[in-house]
Amino acid sequence: MFNDSVGLYEYQGGIAVDCDEDSLNQYGIVHGGLLSTLLDESMGYLILKKGTKVVTAQISVQYILPGKRGRITSKANMVREGKDLIFMEATAEQDGVTLAMATGIYFKI
């Protein structure tokens, strides 16, 4: 599955990834695409745990601080659920420090 290929796994009610050399960009920090993927999967995971199948309609990521090698975790929160759409938010943290935040809209399938 996709999560296995990028190293994502369930962790304390959310999703985590252990970043190594392959997770870093040319500047030696965690690639923003990996953080975006982590946040997206965290939000989708929470929805799926509630028994609803969805696909991502929109995601917006705000990068705050660069990540480094080591574990990065993400937890999500449902903001609102409508008939066809679910609105979510999530944070990505490393060593208790927020690296990025995201909002997402998910379409029920």
N, C-alpha and C. Protein backbone atom coordinates (compact mmCIF):
# COMPACT_ATOMS: atom_id res chain seq x y z
N MET A 1 0.84 -1.19 0.00
CA MET A 1 0.00 0.00 0.00
C MET A 1 0.88 1.26 0.00
N PHE A 2 0.26 2.36 -0.32
CA PHE A 2 0.98 3.63 -0.42
C PHE A 2 1.67 4.01 0.89
N ASN A 3 0.95 3.90 2.01
CA ASN A 3 1.54 4.30 3.30
C ASN A 3 2.82 3.53 3.59
N ASP A 4 2.84 2.25 3.26
CA ASP A 4 4.04 1.45 3.48
C ASP A 4 5.20 1.95 2.63
N SER A 5 4.91 2.36 1.40
CA SER A 5 5.98 2.78 0.49
C SER A 5 6.67 4.07 0.94
N VAL A 6 5.96 4.92 1.69
CA VAL A 6 6.59 6.15 2.19
C VAL A 6 6.91 6.07 3.68
N GLY A 7 6.59 4.93 4.30
CA GLY A 7 6.98 4.71 5.69
C GLY A 7 6.01 5.23 6.73
N LEU A 8 4.77 5.51 6.35
CA LEU A 8 3.78 5.99 7.32
C LEU A 8 3.22 4.83 8.11
N TYR A 9 2.92 5.06 9.40
CA TYR A 9 2.33 4.02 10.23
C TYR A 9 1.47 4.65 11.32
N GLU A 10 0.55 3.84 11.86
CA GLU A 10 -0.32 4.29 12.95
C GLU A 10 0.53 4.51 14.20
N TYR A 11 0.23 5.60 14.92
CA TYR A 11 1.00 5.91 16.11
C TYR A 11 0.14 6.73 17.07
N GLN A 12 -0.16 6.18 18.22
CA GLN A 12 -0.89 6.86 19.29
C GLN A 12 -2.12 7.61 18.80
N GLY A 13 -2.94 6.94 18.01
CA GLY A 13 -4.18 7.53 17.52
C GLY A 13 -4.03 8.42 16.30
N GLY A 14 -2.84 8.53 15.78
CA GLY A 14 -2.60 9.34 14.59
C GLY A 14 -1.71 8.58 13.61
N ILE A 15 -0.94 9.33 12.85
CA ILE A 15 -0.03 8.75 11.86
C ILE A 15 1.36 9.31 12.12
N ALA A 16 2.38 8.50 11.87
CA ALA A 16 3.77 8.94 12.07
C ALA A 16 4.65 8.44 10.93
N VAL A 17 5.81 9.06 10.84
CA VAL A 17 6.84 8.64 9.89
C VAL A 17 8.19 8.84 10.56
N ASP A 18 9.09 7.89 10.36
CA ASP A 18 10.46 8.01 10.87
C ASP A 18 11.33 8.49 9.72
N CYS A 19 11.79 9.72 9.81
CA CYS A 19 12.54 10.35 8.73
C CYS A 19 14.02 9.99 8.81
N ASP A 20 14.57 9.58 7.68
CA ASP A 20 15.99 9.27 7.58
C ASP A 20 16.57 10.09 6.43
N GLU A 21 17.74 9.73 5.99
CA GLU A 21 18.42 10.46 4.91
C GLU A 21 17.56 10.57 3.65
N ASP A 22 16.79 9.51 3.35
CA ASP A 22 15.95 9.51 2.15
C ASP A 22 14.76 10.46 2.25
N SER A 23 14.45 10.95 3.45
CA SER A 23 13.32 11.85 3.67
C SER A 23 13.70 13.32 3.51
N LEU A 24 14.98 13.59 3.35
CA LEU A 24 15.47 14.97 3.35
C LEU A 24 15.58 15.52 1.93
N ASN A 25 15.41 16.84 1.81
CA ASN A 25 15.61 17.49 0.52
C ASN A 25 17.07 17.91 0.38
N GLN A 26 17.38 18.66 -0.66
CA GLN A 26 18.77 19.05 -0.93
C GLN A 26 19.35 19.98 0.14
N TYR A 27 18.49 20.54 1.00
CA TYR A 27 18.96 21.44 2.07
C TYR A 27 19.14 20.72 3.41
N GLY A 28 18.88 19.41 3.40
CA GLY A 28 19.08 18.62 4.61
C GLY A 28 17.91 18.69 5.58
N ILE A 29 16.73 19.13 5.11
CA ILE A 29 15.53 19.15 5.95
C ILE A 29 14.47 18.25 5.34
N VAL A 30 13.50 17.86 6.15
CA VAL A 30 12.45 16.96 5.68
C VAL A 30 11.71 17.60 4.51
N HIS A 31 11.52 16.82 3.46
CA HIS A 31 10.84 17.30 2.25
C HIS A 31 9.40 17.70 2.58
N GLY A 32 8.99 18.87 2.09
CA GLY A 32 7.64 19.36 2.34
C GLY A 32 6.56 18.43 1.83
N GLY A 33 6.84 17.73 0.75
CA GLY A 33 5.86 16.78 0.21
C GLY A 33 5.58 15.64 1.17
N LEU A 34 6.59 15.22 1.92
CA LEU A 34 6.39 14.17 2.91
C LEU A 34 5.52 14.69 4.05
N LEU A 35 5.76 15.92 4.50
CA LEU A 35 4.92 16.51 5.55
C LEU A 35 3.48 16.65 5.07
N SER A 36 3.29 17.09 3.84
CA SER A 36 1.95 17.23 3.28
C SER A 36 1.24 15.87 3.23
N THR A 37 1.96 14.85 2.80
CA THR A 37 1.40 13.51 2.74
C THR A 37 1.02 13.01 4.14
N LEU A 38 1.89 13.24 5.11
CA LEU A 38 1.62 12.85 6.49
C LEU A 38 0.34 13.51 7.00
N LEU A 39 0.20 14.80 6.77
CA LEU A 39 -0.98 15.54 7.22
C LEU A 39 -2.25 15.03 6.53
N ASP A 40 -2.18 14.83 5.22
CA ASP A 40 -3.32 14.33 4.46
C ASP A 40 -3.74 12.96 4.97
N GLU A 41 -2.79 12.07 5.15
CA GLU A 41 -3.10 10.72 5.63
C GLU A 41 -3.65 10.74 7.05
N SER A 42 -3.17 11.64 7.87
CA SER A 42 -3.66 11.76 9.24
C SER A 42 -5.14 12.15 9.26
N MET A 43 -5.50 13.12 8.42
CA MET A 43 -6.90 13.54 8.37
C MET A 43 -7.78 12.44 7.79
N GLY A 44 -7.34 11.80 6.71
CA GLY A 44 -8.10 10.71 6.12
C GLY A 44 -8.24 9.51 7.05
N TYR A 45 -7.18 9.24 7.81
CA TYR A 45 -7.18 8.13 8.76
C TYR A 45 -8.26 8.32 9.83
N LEU A 46 -8.37 9.53 10.36
CA LEU A 46 -9.37 9.79 11.39
C LEU A 46 -10.78 9.58 10.84
N ILE A 47 -11.01 10.03 9.62
CA ILE A 47 -12.33 9.85 9.00
C ILE A 47 -12.61 8.36 8.79
N LEU A 48 -11.63 7.64 8.28
CA LEU A 48 -11.80 6.21 8.03
C LEU A 48 -12.06 5.45 9.33
N LYS A 49 -11.41 5.86 10.43
CA LYS A 49 -11.64 5.22 11.73
C LYS A 49 -13.10 5.36 12.16
N LYS A 50 -13.76 6.42 11.69
CA LYS A 50 -15.18 6.63 12.01
C LYS A 50 -16.10 5.88 11.05
N GLY A 51 -15.50 5.16 10.08
CA GLY A 51 -16.27 4.32 9.19
C GLY A 51 -16.72 4.96 7.89
N THR A 52 -16.16 6.12 7.54
CA THR A 52 -16.54 6.81 6.32
C THR A 52 -15.39 6.76 5.31
N LYS A 53 -15.70 6.39 4.08
CA LYS A 53 -14.70 6.39 3.01
C LYS A 53 -14.71 7.74 2.32
N VAL A 54 -13.51 8.30 2.10
CA VAL A 54 -13.39 9.62 1.48
C VAL A 54 -12.19 9.67 0.54
N VAL A 55 -12.19 10.70 -0.29
CA VAL A 55 -11.01 11.08 -1.07
C VAL A 55 -10.76 12.56 -0.80
N THR A 56 -9.52 12.97 -0.94
CA THR A 56 -9.16 14.36 -0.70
C THR A 56 -9.68 15.25 -1.81
N ALA A 57 -10.43 16.28 -1.44
CA ALA A 57 -10.91 17.27 -2.40
C ALA A 57 -9.97 18.47 -2.43
N GLN A 58 -9.46 18.84 -1.26
CA GLN A 58 -8.56 20.00 -1.16
C GLN A 58 -7.75 19.89 0.12
N ILE A 59 -6.50 20.31 0.04
CA ILE A 59 -5.66 20.38 1.24
C ILE A 59 -4.81 21.64 1.14
N SER A 60 -4.67 22.32 2.28
CA SER A 60 -3.83 23.51 2.36
C SER A 60 -2.86 23.31 3.52
N VAL A 61 -1.58 23.47 3.25
CA VAL A 61 -0.55 23.23 4.26
C VAL A 61 0.20 24.52 4.55
N GLN A 62 0.39 24.80 5.82
CA GLN A 62 1.20 25.92 6.26
C GLN A 62 2.45 25.35 6.94
N TYR A 63 3.59 25.58 6.35
CA TYR A 63 4.86 25.10 6.90
C TYR A 63 5.39 26.14 7.88
N ILE A 64 5.73 25.69 9.08
CA ILE A 64 6.14 26.61 10.14
C ILE A 64 7.63 26.52 10.42
N LEU A 65 8.11 25.31 10.63
CA LEU A 65 9.53 25.06 10.93
C LEU A 65 10.01 23.85 10.14
N PRO A 66 11.29 23.80 9.81
CA PRO A 66 11.81 22.63 9.10
C PRO A 66 11.90 21.40 10.00
N GLY A 67 11.67 20.24 9.41
CA GLY A 67 11.83 18.98 10.13
C GLY A 67 13.24 18.43 9.92
N LYS A 68 13.62 17.50 10.79
CA LYS A 68 14.94 16.87 10.72
C LYS A 68 14.76 15.35 10.80
N ARG A 69 15.86 14.63 10.79
CA ARG A 69 15.77 13.18 10.95
C ARG A 69 15.08 12.85 12.27
N GLY A 70 14.33 11.75 12.26
CA GLY A 70 13.62 11.31 13.46
C GLY A 70 12.13 11.19 13.20
N ARG A 71 11.40 10.86 14.25
CA ARG A 71 9.96 10.64 14.13
C ARG A 71 9.20 11.96 14.06
N ILE A 72 8.26 12.02 13.11
CA ILE A 72 7.31 13.13 13.01
C ILE A 72 5.92 12.52 13.12
N THR A 73 5.09 13.10 13.97
CA THR A 73 3.75 12.59 14.21
C THR A 73 2.70 13.59 13.75
N SER A 74 1.51 13.08 13.46
CA SER A 74 0.42 13.96 13.07
C SER A 74 -0.88 13.44 13.67
N LYS A 75 -1.66 14.38 14.18
CA LYS A 75 -3.00 14.07 14.67
C LYS A 75 -3.97 15.05 14.03
N ALA A 76 -5.18 14.55 13.80
CA ALA A 76 -6.18 15.34 13.09
C ALA A 76 -7.41 15.57 13.97
N ASN A 77 -8.21 16.52 13.54
CA ASN A 77 -9.44 16.87 14.22
C ASN A 77 -10.51 17.16 13.17
N MET A 78 -11.71 16.62 13.37
CA MET A 78 -12.81 16.91 12.46
C MET A 78 -13.43 18.25 12.85
N VAL A 79 -13.52 19.15 11.89
CA VAL A 79 -14.09 20.47 12.13
C VAL A 79 -15.59 20.46 11.89
N ARG A 80 -16.02 19.85 10.76
CA ARG A 80 -17.44 19.82 10.44
C ARG A 80 -17.70 18.73 9.42
N GLU A 81 -18.85 18.08 9.55
CA GLU A 81 -19.25 17.07 8.58
C GLU A 81 -20.57 17.46 7.96
N GLY A 82 -20.59 17.52 6.64
CA GLY A 82 -21.81 17.80 5.91
C GLY A 82 -22.31 16.56 5.19
N LYS A 83 -23.27 16.74 4.31
CA LYS A 83 -23.85 15.62 3.58
C LYS A 83 -22.82 14.93 2.69
N ASP A 84 -22.04 15.72 1.95
CA ASP A 84 -21.07 15.17 1.01
C ASP A 84 -19.61 15.45 1.36
N LEU A 85 -19.37 16.46 2.21
CA LEU A 85 -18.01 16.90 2.51
C LEU A 85 -17.72 16.84 4.00
N ILE A 86 -16.45 16.60 4.31
CA ILE A 86 -15.96 16.64 5.69
C ILE A 86 -14.79 17.61 5.74
N PHE A 87 -14.82 18.51 6.70
CA PHE A 87 -13.78 19.53 6.87
C PHE A 87 -12.90 19.14 8.06
N MET A 88 -11.59 19.14 7.82
CA MET A 88 -10.63 18.63 8.79
C MET A 88 -9.50 19.63 9.04
N GLU A 89 -8.75 19.39 10.13
CA GLU A 89 -7.52 20.11 10.39
C GLU A 89 -6.54 19.14 11.04
N ALA A 90 -5.24 19.41 10.88
CA ALA A 90 -4.22 18.52 11.44
C ALA A 90 -2.94 19.29 11.69
N THR A 91 -2.11 18.74 12.58
CA THR A 91 -0.78 19.30 12.82
C THR A 91 0.25 18.19 12.70
N ALA A 92 1.46 18.57 12.31
CA ALA A 92 2.61 17.65 12.27
C ALA A 92 3.61 18.17 13.29
N GLU A 93 4.07 17.29 14.18
CA GLU A 93 4.98 17.69 15.25
C GLU A 93 6.20 16.78 15.31
N GLN A 94 7.30 17.37 15.77
CA GLN A 94 8.52 16.61 16.01
C GLN A 94 9.10 17.10 17.33
N ASP A 95 9.33 16.18 18.24
CA ASP A 95 9.86 16.51 19.57
C ASP A 95 9.02 17.57 20.27
N GLY A 96 7.68 17.51 20.10
CA GLY A 96 6.78 18.43 20.76
C GLY A 96 6.67 19.81 20.11
N VAL A 97 7.30 20.00 18.96
CA VAL A 97 7.29 21.28 18.26
C VAL A 97 6.48 21.14 16.97
N THR A 98 5.56 22.07 16.73
CA THR A 98 4.75 22.03 15.51
C THR A 98 5.58 22.45 14.30
N LEU A 99 5.62 21.57 13.30
CA LEU A 99 6.33 21.84 12.05
C LEU A 99 5.41 22.38 10.97
N ALA A 100 4.17 21.89 10.95
CA ALA A 100 3.23 22.28 9.89
C ALA A 100 1.81 22.06 10.38
N MET A 101 0.91 22.82 9.77
CA MET A 101 -0.53 22.68 10.04
C MET A 101 -1.23 22.57 8.70
N ALA A 102 -2.38 21.90 8.69
CA ALA A 102 -3.13 21.76 7.45
C ALA A 102 -4.62 21.80 7.70
N THR A 103 -5.33 22.23 6.68
CA THR A 103 -6.77 22.07 6.64
C THR A 103 -7.09 21.26 5.39
N GLY A 104 -8.12 20.47 5.48
CA GLY A 104 -8.49 19.63 4.35
C GLY A 104 -9.98 19.51 4.19
N ILE A 105 -10.40 19.32 2.96
CA ILE A 105 -11.79 19.02 2.65
C ILE A 105 -11.81 17.65 1.98
N TYR A 106 -12.67 16.77 2.46
CA TYR A 106 -12.73 15.40 1.98
C TYR A 106 -14.12 15.10 1.45
N PHE A 107 -14.16 14.46 0.28
CA PHE A 107 -15.40 14.12 -0.38
C PHE A 107 -15.77 12.69 -0.04
N LYS A 108 -16.99 12.49 0.45
CA LYS A 108 -17.46 11.14 0.79
C LYS A 108 -17.69 10.33 -0.48
N ILE A 109 -17.25 9.07 -0.46
CA ILE A 109 -17.48 8.19 -1.62
C ILE A 109 -18.31 6.98 -1.19
